């Protein structure tokens, strides 16, 4: 059985996938910097890793906020 869908990704799915990829790159970079004992490793950790993580979080949150509603809200009468 093939569970892979051939449908194109929606804009929301593409943005969430981009945020996930950026956060994985940030985690790999920060994890790698913790293994190295060099003064520039902290700079890599602080500047590159944390900046990528912050960008990933912002992209994820903006993707959720800008996502279209699946159904209109129900009015209470």
N, C-alpha and C. Protein backbone atom coordinates (compact mmCIF):
# COMPACT_ATOMS: atom_id res chain seq x y z
N UNK A 1 0.84 -1.18 0.00
CA UNK A 1 0.00 0.00 0.00
C UNK A 1 0.88 1.24 0.00
N UNK A 2 0.49 2.19 -0.81
CA UNK A 2 1.23 3.43 -0.90
C UNK A 2 0.41 4.53 -0.24
N UNK A 3 0.91 5.07 0.87
CA UNK A 3 0.20 6.13 1.59
C UNK A 3 0.57 7.52 1.10
N UNK A 4 1.52 7.60 0.20
CA UNK A 4 1.94 8.91 -0.31
C UNK A 4 0.87 9.46 -1.24
N UNK A 5 0.50 10.69 -1.02
CA UNK A 5 -0.52 11.33 -1.84
C UNK A 5 0.14 12.03 -3.01
N UNK A 6 -0.52 11.99 -4.15
CA UNK A 6 0.03 12.67 -5.32
C UNK A 6 -0.55 14.07 -5.47
N UNK A 7 -1.38 14.48 -4.53
CA UNK A 7 -1.95 15.82 -4.57
C UNK A 7 -0.88 16.84 -4.23
N UNK A 8 -0.92 18.01 -4.87
CA UNK A 8 0.07 19.04 -4.50
C UNK A 8 -0.18 19.56 -3.10
N UNK A 9 0.88 20.02 -2.47
CA UNK A 9 0.77 20.53 -1.11
C UNK A 9 0.06 21.88 -1.11
N UNK A 10 -0.70 22.12 -0.07
CA UNK A 10 -1.33 23.42 0.08
C UNK A 10 -0.29 24.42 0.57
N UNK A 11 -0.66 25.67 0.54
CA UNK A 11 0.25 26.72 0.99
C UNK A 11 0.59 26.56 2.46
N UNK A 12 -0.40 26.16 3.26
CA UNK A 12 -0.17 25.92 4.69
C UNK A 12 0.82 24.79 4.89
N UNK A 13 0.65 23.70 4.17
CA UNK A 13 1.55 22.56 4.30
C UNK A 13 2.97 22.89 3.87
N UNK A 14 3.11 23.69 2.82
CA UNK A 14 4.45 24.10 2.37
C UNK A 14 5.14 24.97 3.41
N UNK A 15 4.38 25.88 4.03
CA UNK A 15 4.98 26.76 5.04
C UNK A 15 5.37 25.98 6.29
N UNK A 16 4.53 25.05 6.70
CA UNK A 16 4.87 24.25 7.87
C UNK A 16 6.07 23.36 7.58
N UNK A 17 6.14 22.82 6.37
CA UNK A 17 7.29 21.99 6.00
C UNK A 17 8.57 22.83 5.99
N UNK A 18 8.50 24.07 5.50
CA UNK A 18 9.66 24.95 5.51
C UNK A 18 10.10 25.24 6.94
N UNK A 19 9.15 25.50 7.82
CA UNK A 19 9.48 25.76 9.23
C UNK A 19 10.12 24.53 9.86
N UNK A 20 9.64 23.35 9.53
CA UNK A 20 10.22 22.12 10.08
C UNK A 20 11.64 21.91 9.58
N UNK A 21 11.87 22.17 8.31
CA UNK A 21 13.22 22.01 7.76
C UNK A 21 14.19 23.00 8.39
N UNK A 22 13.75 24.25 8.55
CA UNK A 22 14.62 25.24 9.19
C UNK A 22 14.91 24.88 10.65
N UNK A 23 13.92 24.38 11.35
CA UNK A 23 14.17 24.01 12.75
C UNK A 23 15.09 22.80 12.85
N UNK A 24 14.99 21.86 11.91
CA UNK A 24 15.92 20.73 11.91
C UNK A 24 17.35 21.17 11.62
N UNK A 25 17.50 22.08 10.67
CA UNK A 25 18.84 22.61 10.39
C UNK A 25 19.40 23.32 11.61
N UNK A 26 18.55 24.09 12.29
CA UNK A 26 18.99 24.80 13.49
C UNK A 26 19.38 23.82 14.60
N UNK A 27 18.60 22.76 14.77
CA UNK A 27 18.92 21.78 15.81
C UNK A 27 20.22 21.04 15.50
N UNK A 28 20.42 20.69 14.26
CA UNK A 28 21.66 20.02 13.87
C UNK A 28 22.85 20.95 14.07
N UNK A 29 22.68 22.22 13.68
CA UNK A 29 23.77 23.19 13.85
C UNK A 29 24.11 23.46 15.30
N UNK A 30 23.09 23.62 16.12
CA UNK A 30 23.36 23.88 17.54
C UNK A 30 23.91 22.64 18.22
N UNK A 31 23.42 21.48 17.86
CA UNK A 31 23.96 20.24 18.43
C UNK A 31 25.41 20.03 18.03
N UNK A 32 25.73 20.34 16.79
CA UNK A 32 27.12 20.22 16.33
C UNK A 32 28.03 21.21 17.02
N UNK A 33 27.52 22.39 17.30
CA UNK A 33 28.36 23.39 17.96
C UNK A 33 28.64 23.01 19.41
N UNK A 34 27.78 22.22 20.00
CA UNK A 34 28.01 21.78 21.38
C UNK A 34 29.10 20.72 21.47
N UNK A 35 29.38 20.05 20.36
CA UNK A 35 30.41 19.01 20.34
C UNK A 35 31.81 19.58 20.15
N UNK A 36 31.91 20.82 19.68
CA UNK A 36 33.20 21.43 19.38
C UNK A 36 33.60 22.35 20.52
N UNK A 37 34.84 22.27 20.94
CA UNK A 37 35.35 23.14 21.99
C UNK A 37 36.20 24.24 21.35
N UNK A 38 35.52 25.25 20.86
CA UNK A 38 36.19 26.37 20.20
C UNK A 38 35.35 27.62 20.46
N UNK A 39 35.98 28.78 20.61
CA UNK A 39 35.21 30.00 20.89
C UNK A 39 34.18 30.34 19.81
N UNK A 40 34.49 30.01 18.57
CA UNK A 40 33.53 30.31 17.51
C UNK A 40 32.33 29.38 17.53
N UNK A 41 32.41 28.28 18.24
CA UNK A 41 31.28 27.37 18.34
C UNK A 41 30.11 28.04 19.07
N UNK A 42 30.43 28.86 20.05
CA UNK A 42 29.36 29.58 20.75
C UNK A 42 28.71 30.60 19.83
N UNK A 43 29.52 31.27 19.02
CA UNK A 43 28.97 32.24 18.07
C UNK A 43 28.03 31.53 17.10
N UNK A 44 28.43 30.36 16.62
CA UNK A 44 27.58 29.59 15.71
C UNK A 44 26.30 29.19 16.42
N UNK A 45 26.43 28.76 17.67
CA UNK A 45 25.25 28.37 18.45
C UNK A 45 24.31 29.56 18.64
N UNK A 46 24.86 30.67 19.09
CA UNK A 46 24.03 31.81 19.46
C UNK A 46 23.46 32.53 18.24
N UNK A 47 24.29 32.75 17.24
CA UNK A 47 23.84 33.57 16.11
C UNK A 47 23.10 32.74 15.07
N UNK A 48 23.74 31.72 14.57
CA UNK A 48 23.15 30.98 13.45
C UNK A 48 22.02 30.07 13.93
N UNK A 49 22.29 29.24 14.92
CA UNK A 49 21.29 28.28 15.38
C UNK A 49 20.04 28.92 15.95
N UNK A 50 20.22 29.87 16.84
CA UNK A 50 19.06 30.50 17.46
C UNK A 50 18.30 31.39 16.48
N UNK A 51 19.01 32.01 15.55
CA UNK A 51 18.33 32.83 14.54
C UNK A 51 17.48 31.95 13.63
N UNK A 52 18.04 30.82 13.19
CA UNK A 52 17.25 29.91 12.36
C UNK A 52 16.04 29.37 13.10
N UNK A 53 16.21 29.08 14.37
CA UNK A 53 15.09 28.58 15.17
C UNK A 53 14.01 29.65 15.31
N UNK A 54 14.42 30.88 15.54
CA UNK A 54 13.46 31.98 15.66
C UNK A 54 12.71 32.18 14.34
N UNK A 55 13.41 32.14 13.22
CA UNK A 55 12.77 32.29 11.92
C UNK A 55 11.79 31.15 11.68
N UNK A 56 12.15 29.93 12.06
CA UNK A 56 11.26 28.78 11.88
C UNK A 56 9.99 28.94 12.70
N UNK A 57 10.12 29.41 13.93
CA UNK A 57 8.95 29.61 14.78
C UNK A 57 8.05 30.70 14.21
N UNK A 58 8.63 31.78 13.72
CA UNK A 58 7.84 32.87 13.14
C UNK A 58 7.11 32.39 11.88
N UNK A 59 7.78 31.65 11.03
CA UNK A 59 7.14 31.12 9.82
C UNK A 59 5.99 30.20 10.19
N UNK A 60 6.20 29.34 11.18
CA UNK A 60 5.16 28.41 11.61
C UNK A 60 3.94 29.17 12.15
N UNK A 61 4.17 30.14 13.02
CA UNK A 61 3.05 30.87 13.60
C UNK A 61 2.32 31.70 12.55
N UNK A 62 3.05 32.32 11.63
CA UNK A 62 2.40 33.08 10.56
C UNK A 62 1.60 32.15 9.65
N UNK A 63 2.11 30.96 9.42
CA UNK A 63 1.36 30.00 8.59
C UNK A 63 0.05 29.63 9.25
N UNK A 64 0.05 29.46 10.56
CA UNK A 64 -1.18 29.12 11.26
C UNK A 64 -2.16 30.29 11.28
N UNK A 65 -1.65 31.49 11.46
CA UNK A 65 -2.53 32.66 11.53
C UNK A 65 -3.13 32.97 10.17
N UNK A 66 -2.36 32.82 9.10
CA UNK A 66 -2.83 33.15 7.76
C UNK A 66 -3.59 32.03 7.08
N UNK A 67 -3.73 30.89 7.73
CA UNK A 67 -4.43 29.75 7.12
C UNK A 67 -5.91 30.09 6.97
N UNK A 68 -6.48 29.74 5.84
CA UNK A 68 -7.92 30.01 5.67
C UNK A 68 -8.74 29.08 6.55
N UNK A 69 -9.87 29.56 6.97
CA UNK A 69 -10.75 28.75 7.81
C UNK A 69 -11.37 27.65 6.96
N UNK A 70 -11.53 26.48 7.54
CA UNK A 70 -12.11 25.37 6.80
C UNK A 70 -13.63 25.49 6.71
N UNK A 71 -14.24 26.12 7.68
CA UNK A 71 -15.70 26.35 7.62
C UNK A 71 -15.99 27.69 8.29
N UNK A 72 -17.04 28.35 7.87
CA UNK A 72 -17.37 29.63 8.50
C UNK A 72 -17.79 29.44 9.95
N UNK A 73 -17.51 30.41 10.80
CA UNK A 73 -17.91 30.28 12.21
C UNK A 73 -19.43 30.27 12.34
N UNK A 74 -19.89 29.50 13.30
CA UNK A 74 -21.34 29.40 13.53
C UNK A 74 -21.80 30.60 14.34
N UNK A 75 -22.90 31.19 13.91
CA UNK A 75 -23.44 32.32 14.65
C UNK A 75 -24.40 31.82 15.72
N UNK A 76 -24.34 32.44 16.87
CA UNK A 76 -25.22 32.06 17.97
C UNK A 76 -26.42 32.98 17.94
N UNK A 77 -27.60 32.37 17.80
CA UNK A 77 -28.84 33.18 17.77
C UNK A 77 -29.81 32.74 18.81
